Amino acid sequence: QVQLVESGGGLVQDGGSLRLTCAASKSIFSTKLMGWYRQAPGKQRELVADITGGGTTRYVDSVKGRFTISRDNAKNTVSLQMNSLRPEDTAVYYCNAEYWSGRSYWGQGTQVTVSS
């Protein structure tokens, strides 16, 4: 079992920045993917960004050029730097770890609110 704990959410004004961090209770070295998802009220959870063990990244079109995902295998963390935030980025952000074993784990989520 792996516990994922997100931090860094909060309230920010339109155009502001936040940095989310996900800390894993065990090594993320053998993860296939580490990702950030978000879920806004009344909407389905969507992938925001993910990163492979080799460092290849992927982003949803709406955040390209504004968000940056990174991972630190030594610290067992994955981060999401969010710049130029918009009200439509408001959501609960979740961390996900997908291991090569096929197991997948989720954090409890952190709220991000962008005011206009």
Protein backbone atom coordinates (compact mmCIF):
# COMPACT_ATOMS: atom_id res chain seq x y z
CA GLN A 1 0.00 0.00 0.00
CA VAL A 2 1.23 3.46 -0.88
CA GLN A 3 -0.06 6.65 0.67
CA LEU A 4 0.01 9.83 -1.37
CA VAL A 5 -0.34 13.18 0.35
CA GLU A 6 -0.92 16.35 -1.66
CA SER A 7 -0.10 19.83 -0.42
CA GLY A 8 0.12 23.35 -1.76
CA GLY A 9 -3.45 24.05 -2.73
CA GLY A 10 -5.24 27.24 -1.79
CA LEU A 11 -6.93 30.40 -2.95
CA VAL A 12 -5.20 32.56 -5.55
CA GLN A 13 -6.21 35.40 -7.83
CA ASP A 14 -6.56 35.15 -11.58
CA GLY A 15 -3.04 35.14 -13.06
CA GLY A 16 -1.41 33.88 -9.89
CA SER A 17 0.73 30.83 -9.22
CA LEU A 18 0.67 27.79 -6.99
CA ARG A 19 2.93 24.79 -6.59
CA LEU A 20 1.39 21.46 -5.67
CA THR A 21 3.48 18.68 -4.20
CA CYS A 22 2.62 15.01 -3.76
CA ALA A 23 4.64 13.01 -1.27
CA ALA A 24 4.60 9.22 -1.49
CA SER A 25 5.08 6.93 1.50
CA LYS A 26 7.18 4.53 -0.58
CA SER A 27 9.60 4.73 -3.45
CA ILE A 28 8.25 6.06 -6.73
CA PHE A 29 11.27 4.77 -8.63
CA SER A 30 9.29 1.84 -10.04
CA THR A 31 6.27 3.85 -11.09
CA LYS A 32 5.17 3.74 -14.69
CA LEU A 33 3.49 7.12 -14.39
CA MET A 34 3.02 9.84 -11.80
CA GLY A 35 0.17 12.15 -12.59
CA TRP A 36 -1.98 15.04 -11.51
CA TYR A 37 -5.71 14.95 -12.13
CA ARG A 38 -8.42 17.44 -11.28
CA GLN A 39 -12.14 17.40 -10.74
CA ALA A 40 -14.30 20.49 -10.83
CA PRO A 41 -17.84 20.51 -9.37
CA GLY A 42 -20.25 18.69 -11.65
CA LYS A 43 -17.49 17.50 -13.97
CA GLN A 44 -15.58 14.29 -14.46
CA ARG A 45 -12.06 13.87 -13.18
CA GLU A 46 -9.56 14.71 -15.91
CA LEU A 47 -5.87 14.22 -16.42
CA VAL A 48 -3.93 17.46 -16.07
CA ALA A 49 -0.38 16.20 -16.55
CA ASP A 50 1.69 13.08 -16.08
CA ILE A 51 5.32 12.08 -16.19
CA THR A 52 6.97 8.75 -16.88
CA GLY A 53 9.84 7.25 -14.96
CA GLY A 54 12.11 8.45 -17.72
CA GLY A 55 10.84 12.01 -17.46
CA THR A 56 8.56 12.18 -20.48
CA THR A 57 5.70 14.57 -19.78
CA ARG A 58 2.21 14.98 -21.11
CA TYR A 59 -0.28 17.80 -20.56
CA VAL A 60 -3.91 18.47 -21.27
CA ASP A 61 -4.13 21.18 -23.93
CA SER A 62 -5.71 23.73 -21.59
CA VAL A 63 -2.63 23.89 -19.33
CA LYS A 64 0.18 23.62 -21.87
CA GLY A 65 2.66 26.44 -21.42
CA ARG A 66 1.29 27.29 -17.98
CA PHE A 67 1.81 24.15 -15.86
CA THR A 68 4.97 22.10 -15.37
CA ILE A 69 5.12 18.64 -13.84
CA SER A 70 8.31 17.27 -12.31
CA ARG A 71 9.38 14.37 -10.16
CA ASP A 72 12.12 13.75 -7.63
CA ASN A 73 12.69 10.02 -7.23
CA ALA A 74 15.15 10.57 -4.39
CA LYS A 75 12.53 12.42 -2.35
CA ASN A 76 9.57 10.35 -3.61
CA THR A 77 7.73 13.47 -4.68
CA VAL A 78 6.00 14.79 -7.77
CA SER A 79 5.18 18.46 -8.18
CA LEU A 80 2.97 20.59 -10.35
CA GLN A 81 4.00 24.20 -10.86
CA MET A 82 0.94 26.15 -11.96
CA ASN A 83 1.41 29.62 -13.42
CA SER A 84 -1.02 32.06 -15.01
CA LEU A 85 -3.89 30.42 -13.21
CA ARG A 86 -7.41 30.99 -14.46
CA PRO A 87 -10.80 30.65 -12.77
CA GLU A 88 -11.47 27.58 -14.91
CA ASP A 89 -8.51 25.85 -13.20
CA THR A 90 -10.54 25.77 -9.99
CA ALA A 91 -10.91 22.15 -8.91
CA VAL A 92 -9.77 19.52 -6.47
CA TYR A 93 -6.38 18.28 -7.65
CA TYR A 94 -5.44 14.65 -7.09
CA CYS A 95 -2.11 12.89 -7.29
CA ASN A 96 -1.91 9.43 -8.86
CA ALA A 97 0.81 6.82 -8.91
CA GLU A 98 0.67 3.99 -11.40
CA TYR A 99 3.15 1.18 -10.86
CA TRP A 100 4.45 -1.30 -13.39
CA SER A 101 2.83 -3.98 -11.21
CA GLY A 102 -0.53 -2.62 -12.34
CA ARG A 103 -1.44 -1.10 -9.01
CA SER A 104 -2.63 2.48 -8.91
CA TYR A 105 -2.95 4.79 -5.92
CA TRP A 106 -4.67 8.11 -5.32
CA GLY A 107 -4.15 10.92 -2.86
CA GLN A 108 -6.96 12.57 -0.95
CA GLY A 109 -6.90 15.71 -3.07
CA THR A 110 -6.15 19.37 -2.50
CA GLN A 111 -8.44 22.27 -3.35
CA VAL A 112 -7.30 24.94 -5.79
CA THR A 113 -9.52 27.99 -6.11
CA VAL A 114 -8.79 30.79 -8.57
CA SER A 115 -10.78 33.96 -8.05
CA SER A 116 -11.58 36.34 -10.89
